[in-house]
Amino acid sequence: MQRQTALKRQKERARIEKQREKTANRLERRHDKGSSGGLAPGEDPDIAGIVPGPQPPAID
């Protein structure tokens, strides 16, 4: 009976630790996302840095 209780506690600690890590990762991503604003206002991030005209051949 005590072994089951110990396993429950261990699982609960692991769950709490994993949740802390996820929260920390979310905060870190949010911070990185906010600080990476290197685009000019009104510039579309999907096409930033694309040069119009002929493209170099793909290397096989």
PDB file of N, CA and C in Angstrom:
ATOM      1  N   MET A   1       0.827  -1.189   0.000  1.00  0.00           N
ATOM      2  CA  MET A   1       0.000   0.000   0.000  1.00  0.00           C
ATOM      3  C   MET A   1       0.871   1.252   0.000  1.00  0.00           C
ATOM      4  N   GLN A   2       1.943   1.243   0.764  1.00  0.00           N
ATOM      5  CA  GLN A   2       2.789   2.436   0.822  1.00  0.00           C
ATOM      6  C   GLN A   2       3.526   2.660  -0.491  1.00  0.00           C
ATOM      7  N   ARG A   3       3.820   1.586  -1.204  1.00  0.00           N
ATOM      8  CA  ARG A   3       4.518   1.738  -2.478  1.00  0.00           C
ATOM      9  C   ARG A   3       3.640   2.502  -3.470  1.00  0.00           C
ATOM     10  N   GLN A   4       2.359   2.238  -3.476  1.00  0.00           N
ATOM     11  CA  GLN A   4       1.453   2.944  -4.373  1.00  0.00           C
ATOM     12  C   GLN A   4       1.425   4.435  -4.048  1.00  0.00           C
ATOM     13  N   THR A   5       1.405   4.750  -2.765  1.00  0.00           N
ATOM     14  CA  THR A   5       1.394   6.151  -2.343  1.00  0.00           C
ATOM     15  C   THR A   5       2.676   6.853  -2.794  1.00  0.00           C
ATOM     16  N   ALA A   6       3.804   6.159  -2.642  1.00  0.00           N
ATOM     17  CA  ALA A   6       5.078   6.746  -3.067  1.00  0.00           C
ATOM     18  C   ALA A   6       5.099   6.969  -4.572  1.00  0.00           C
ATOM     19  N   LEU A   7       4.555   6.028  -5.327  1.00  0.00           N
ATOM     20  CA  LEU A   7       4.511   6.191  -6.777  1.00  0.00           C
ATOM     21  C   LEU A   7       3.618   7.361  -7.166  1.00  0.00           C
ATOM     22  N   LYS A   8       2.508   7.510  -6.480  1.00  0.00           N
ATOM     23  CA  LYS A   8       1.618   8.642  -6.748  1.00  0.00           C
ATOM     24  C   LYS A   8       2.326   9.966  -6.507  1.00  0.00           C
ATOM     25  N   ARG A   9       3.042  10.037  -5.393  1.00  0.00           N
ATOM     26  CA  ARG A   9       3.778  11.272  -5.077  1.00  0.00           C
ATOM     27  C   ARG A   9       4.841  11.551  -6.124  1.00  0.00           C
ATOM     28  N   GLN A  10       5.534  10.512  -6.553  1.00  0.00           N
ATOM     29  CA  GLN A  10       6.587  10.674  -7.550  1.00  0.00           C
ATOM     30  C   GLN A  10       5.987  11.162  -8.874  1.00  0.00           C
ATOM     31  N   LYS A  11       4.871  10.579  -9.270  1.00  0.00           N
ATOM     32  CA  LYS A  11       4.208  11.007 -10.504  1.00  0.00           C
ATOM     33  C   LYS A  11       3.745  12.455 -10.400  1.00  0.00           C
ATOM     34  N   GLU A  12       3.200  12.809  -9.263  1.00  0.00           N
ATOM     35  CA  GLU A  12       2.713  14.178  -9.060  1.00  0.00           C
ATOM     36  C   GLU A  12       3.872  15.174  -9.115  1.00  0.00           C
ATOM     37  N   ARG A  13       4.994  14.838  -8.506  1.00  0.00           N
ATOM     38  CA  ARG A  13       6.164  15.725  -8.558  1.00  0.00           C
ATOM     39  C   ARG A  13       6.657  15.878  -9.993  1.00  0.00           C
ATOM     40  N   ALA A  14       6.676  14.770 -10.740  1.00  0.00           N
ATOM     41  CA  ALA A  14       7.119  14.826 -12.128  1.00  0.00           C
ATOM     42  C   ALA A  14       6.163  15.689 -12.955  1.00  0.00           C
ATOM     43  N   ARG A  15       4.866  15.568 -12.708  1.00  0.00           N
ATOM     44  CA  ARG A  15       3.881  16.354 -13.434  1.00  0.00           C
ATOM     45  C   ARG A  15       4.055  17.840 -13.145  1.00  0.00           C
ATOM     46  N   ILE A  16       4.248  18.169 -11.878  1.00  0.00           N
ATOM     47  CA  ILE A  16       4.433  19.573 -11.483  1.00  0.00           C
ATOM     48  C   ILE A  16       5.718  20.135 -12.104  1.00  0.00           C
ATOM     49  N   GLU A  17       6.783  19.349 -12.084  1.00  0.00           N
ATOM     50  CA  GLU A  17       8.054  19.807 -12.669  1.00  0.00           C
ATOM     51  C   GLU A  17       7.914  20.029 -14.175  1.00  0.00           C
ATOM     52  N   LYS A  18       7.233  19.123 -14.842  1.00  0.00           N
ATOM     53  CA  LYS A  18       7.028  19.274 -16.282  1.00  0.00           C
ATOM     54  C   LYS A  18       6.213  20.532 -16.585  1.00  0.00           C
ATOM     55  N   GLN A  19       5.212  20.797 -15.761  1.00  0.00           N
ATOM     56  CA  GLN A  19       4.395  22.000 -15.947  1.00  0.00           C
ATOM     57  C   GLN A  19       5.231  23.261 -15.742  1.00  0.00           C
ATOM     58  N   ARG A  20       6.129  23.243 -14.759  1.00  0.00           N
ATOM     59  CA  ARG A  20       7.018  24.390 -14.541  1.00  0.00           C
ATOM     60  C   ARG A  20       7.904  24.620 -15.754  1.00  0.00           C
ATOM     61  N   GLU A  21       8.455  23.529 -16.309  1.00  0.00           N
ATOM     62  CA  GLU A  21       9.313  23.649 -17.480  1.00  0.00           C
ATOM     63  C   GLU A  21       8.541  24.208 -18.665  1.00  0.00           C
ATOM     64  N   LYS A  22       7.314  23.738 -18.863  1.00  0.00           N
ATOM     65  CA  LYS A  22       6.499  24.233 -19.969  1.00  0.00           C
ATOM     66  C   LYS A  22       6.207  25.718 -19.801  1.00  0.00           C
ATOM     67  N   THR A  23       5.898  26.129 -18.584  1.00  0.00           N
ATOM     68  CA  THR A  23       5.615  27.540 -18.327  1.00  0.00           C
ATOM     69  C   THR A  23       6.856  28.389 -18.596  1.00  0.00           C
ATOM     70  N   ALA A  24       8.011  27.914 -18.149  1.00  0.00           N
ATOM     71  CA  ALA A  24       9.254  28.649 -18.384  1.00  0.00           C
ATOM     72  C   ALA A  24       9.542  28.747 -19.876  1.00  0.00           C
ATOM     73  N   ASN A  25       9.318  27.662 -20.618  1.00  0.00           N
ATOM     74  CA  ASN A  25       9.552  27.678 -22.064  1.00  0.00           C
ATOM     75  C   ASN A  25       8.607  28.656 -22.754  1.00  0.00           C
ATOM     76  N   ARG A  26       7.350  28.692 -22.324  1.00  0.00           N
ATOM     77  CA  ARG A  26       6.387  29.625 -22.913  1.00  0.00           C
ATOM     78  C   ARG A  26       6.832  31.065 -22.691  1.00  0.00           C
ATOM     79  N   LEU A  27       7.257  31.363 -21.471  1.00  0.00           N
ATOM     80  CA  LEU A  27       7.703  32.719 -21.173  1.00  0.00           C
ATOM     81  C   LEU A  27       8.932  33.085 -22.003  1.00  0.00           C
ATOM     82  N   GLU A  28       9.843  32.133 -22.156  1.00  0.00           N
ATOM     83  CA  GLU A  28      11.056  32.389 -22.926  1.00  0.00           C
ATOM     84  C   GLU A  28      10.711  32.645 -24.399  1.00  0.00           C
ATOM     85  N   ARG A  29       9.813  31.831 -24.961  1.00  0.00           N
ATOM     86  CA  ARG A  29       9.406  32.039 -26.348  1.00  0.00           C
ATOM     87  C   ARG A  29       8.713  33.379 -26.524  1.00  0.00           C
ATOM     88  N   ARG A  30       7.868  33.731 -25.560  1.00  0.00           N
ATOM     89  CA  ARG A  30       7.156  35.008 -25.632  1.00  0.00           C
ATOM     90  C   ARG A  30       8.151  36.163 -25.601  1.00  0.00           C
ATOM     91  N   HIS A  31       9.166  36.048 -24.742  1.00  0.00           N
ATOM     92  CA  HIS A  31      10.189  37.090 -24.645  1.00  0.00           C
ATOM     93  C   HIS A  31      10.968  37.178 -25.952  1.00  0.00           C
ATOM     94  N   ASP A  32      11.387  36.028 -26.514  1.00  0.00           N
ATOM     95  CA  ASP A  32      12.149  36.015 -27.759  1.00  0.00           C
ATOM     96  C   ASP A  32      11.324  36.554 -28.918  1.00  0.00           C
ATOM     97  N   LYS A  33      10.066  36.205 -28.941  1.00  0.00           N
ATOM     98  CA  LYS A  33       9.200  36.648 -30.030  1.00  0.00           C
ATOM     99  C   LYS A  33       9.033  38.165 -30.002  1.00  0.00           C
ATOM    100  N   GLY A  34       8.910  38.729 -28.836  1.00  0.00           N
ATOM    101  CA  GLY A  34       8.732  40.167 -28.713  1.00  0.00           C
ATOM    102  C   GLY A  34       9.985  40.951 -29.016  1.00  0.00           C
ATOM    103  N   SER A  35      11.144  40.376 -28.782  1.00  0.00           N
ATOM    104  CA  SER A  35      12.388  41.115 -28.967  1.00  0.00           C
ATOM    105  C   SER A  35      12.985  40.950 -30.360  1.00  0.00           C
ATOM    106  N   SER A  36      12.385  40.113 -31.208  1.00  0.00           N
ATOM    107  CA  SER A  36      12.973  39.863 -32.520  1.00  0.00           C
ATOM    108  C   SER A  36      12.413  40.778 -33.592  1.00  0.00           C
ATOM    109  N   GLY A  37      11.785  41.864 -33.224  1.00  0.00           N
ATOM    110  CA  GLY A  37      11.152  42.751 -34.200  1.00  0.00           C
ATOM    111  C   GLY A  37      12.147  43.519 -35.034  1.00  0.00           C
ATOM    112  N   GLY A  38      12.862  42.858 -35.943  1.00  0.00           N
ATOM    113  CA  GLY A  38      13.834  43.507 -36.788  1.00  0.00           C
ATOM    114  C   GLY A  38      13.262  43.976 -38.112  1.00  0.00           C
ATOM    115  N   LEU A  39      11.950  43.910 -38.291  1.00  0.00           N
ATOM    116  CA  LEU A  39      11.332  44.316 -39.546  1.00  0.00           C
ATOM    117  C   LEU A  39      10.891  45.777 -39.494  1.00  0.00           C
ATOM    118  N   ALA A  40      10.892  46.377 -40.657  1.00  0.00           N
ATOM    119  CA  ALA A  40      10.400  47.740 -40.761  1.00  0.00           C
ATOM    120  C   ALA A  40       8.873  47.726 -40.636  1.00  0.00           C
ATOM    121  N   PRO A  41       8.288  48.785 -40.149  1.00  0.00           N
ATOM    122  CA  PRO A  41       6.826  48.820 -40.038  1.00  0.00           C
ATOM    123  C   PRO A  41       6.180  48.661 -41.417  1.00  0.00           C
ATOM    124  N   GLY A  42       5.209  47.794 -41.503  1.00  0.00           N
ATOM    125  CA  GLY A  42       4.511  47.556 -42.748  1.00  0.00           C
ATOM    126  C   GLY A  42       5.154  46.505 -43.627  1.00  0.00           C
ATOM    127  N   GLU A  43       6.299  45.945 -43.225  1.00  0.00           N
ATOM    128  CA  GLU A  43       6.970  44.920 -44.022  1.00  0.00           C
ATOM    129  C   GLU A  43       6.408  43.551 -43.657  1.00  0.00           C
ATOM    130  N   ASP A  44       6.092  42.759 -44.659  1.00  0.00           N
ATOM    131  CA  ASP A  44       5.521  41.428 -44.455  1.00  0.00           C
ATOM    132  C   ASP A  44       6.642  40.454 -44.085  1.00  0.00           C
ATOM    133  N   PRO A  45       6.568  39.791 -42.927  1.00  0.00           N
ATOM    134  CA  PRO A  45       7.639  38.895 -42.513  1.00  0.00           C
ATOM    135  C   PRO A  45       7.766  37.657 -43.398  1.00  0.00           C
ATOM    136  N   ASP A  46       6.686  37.276 -44.115  1.00  0.00           N
ATOM    137  CA  ASP A  46       6.747  36.106 -44.978  1.00  0.00           C
ATOM    138  C   ASP A  46       7.611  36.340 -46.213  1.00  0.00           C
ATOM    139  N   ILE A  47       7.681  37.587 -46.670  1.00  0.00           N
ATOM    140  CA  ILE A  47       8.446  37.860 -47.887  1.00  0.00           C
ATOM    141  C   ILE A  47       9.658  38.743 -47.628  1.00  0.00           C
ATOM    142  N   ALA A  48      10.001  38.950 -46.385  1.00  0.00           N
ATOM    143  CA  ALA A  48      11.158  39.785 -46.052  1.00  0.00           C
ATOM    144  C   ALA A  48      12.433  39.116 -46.547  1.00  0.00           C
ATOM    145  N   GLY A  49      13.266  39.858 -47.215  1.00  0.00           N
ATOM    146  CA  GLY A  49      14.554  39.356 -47.677  1.00  0.00           C
ATOM    147  C   GLY A  49      14.513  38.658 -49.016  1.00  0.00           C
ATOM    148  N   ILE A  50      13.343  38.554 -49.655  1.00  0.00           N
ATOM    149  CA  ILE A  50      13.257  37.918 -50.961  1.00  0.00           C
ATOM    150  C   ILE A  50      13.642  38.938 -52.019  1.00  0.00           C
ATOM    151  N   VAL A  51      14.517  38.519 -52.921  1.00  0.00           N
ATOM    152  CA  VAL A  51      14.991  39.396 -53.987  1.00  0.00           C
ATOM    153  C   VAL A  51      14.234  39.043 -55.259  1.00  0.00           C
ATOM    154  N   PRO A  52      13.579  40.002 -55.897  1.00  0.00           N
ATOM    155  CA  PRO A  52      12.873  39.701 -57.143  1.00  0.00           C
ATOM    156  C   PRO A  52      13.857  39.450 -58.275  1.00  0.00           C
ATOM    157  N   GLY A  53      13.401  38.698 -59.262  1.00  0.00           N
ATOM    158  CA  GLY A  53      14.234  38.425 -60.433  1.00  0.00           C
ATOM    159  C   GLY A  53      14.638  36.971 -60.491  1.00  0.00           C
ATOM    160  N   PRO A  54      15.494  36.657 -61.441  1.00  0.00           N
ATOM    161  CA  PRO A  54      15.912  35.262 -61.599  1.00  0.00           C
ATOM    162  C   PRO A  54      16.638  34.760 -60.353  1.00  0.00           C
ATOM    163  N   GLN A  55      16.348  33.537 -60.009  1.00  0.00           N
ATOM    164  CA  GLN A  55      16.971  32.926 -58.845  1.00  0.00           C
ATOM    165  C   GLN A  55      18.122  32.046 -59.282  1.00  0.00           C
ATOM    166  N   PRO A  56      19.134  31.887 -58.429  1.00  0.00           N
ATOM    167  CA  PRO A  56      20.256  31.011 -58.788  1.00  0.00           C
ATOM    168  C   PRO A  56      19.786  29.563 -58.885  1.00  0.00           C
ATOM    169  N   PRO A  57      20.433  28.753 -59.729  1.00  0.00           N
ATOM    170  CA  PRO A  57      20.014  27.366 -59.884  1.00  0.00           C
ATOM    171  C   PRO A  57      20.188  26.592 -58.579  1.00  0.00           C
ATOM    172  N   ALA A  58      19.280  25.655 -58.350  1.00  0.00           N
ATOM    173  CA  ALA A  58      19.363  24.810 -57.160  1.00  0.00           C
ATOM    174  C   ALA A  58      20.530  23.840 -57.309  1.00  0.00           C
ATOM    175  N   ILE A  59      21.278  23.654 -56.250  1.00  0.00           N
ATOM    176  CA  ILE A  59      22.417  22.736 -56.279  1.00  0.00           C
ATOM    177  C   ILE A  59      21.918  21.354 -55.912  1.00  0.00           C
ATOM    178  N   ASP A  60      22.176  20.376 -56.778  1.00  0.00           N
ATOM    179  CA  ASP A  60      21.716  18.992 -56.547  1.00  0.00           C
ATOM    180  C   ASP A  60      22.735  18.201 -55.821  1.00  0.00           C
TER     181      ASP A  60
END
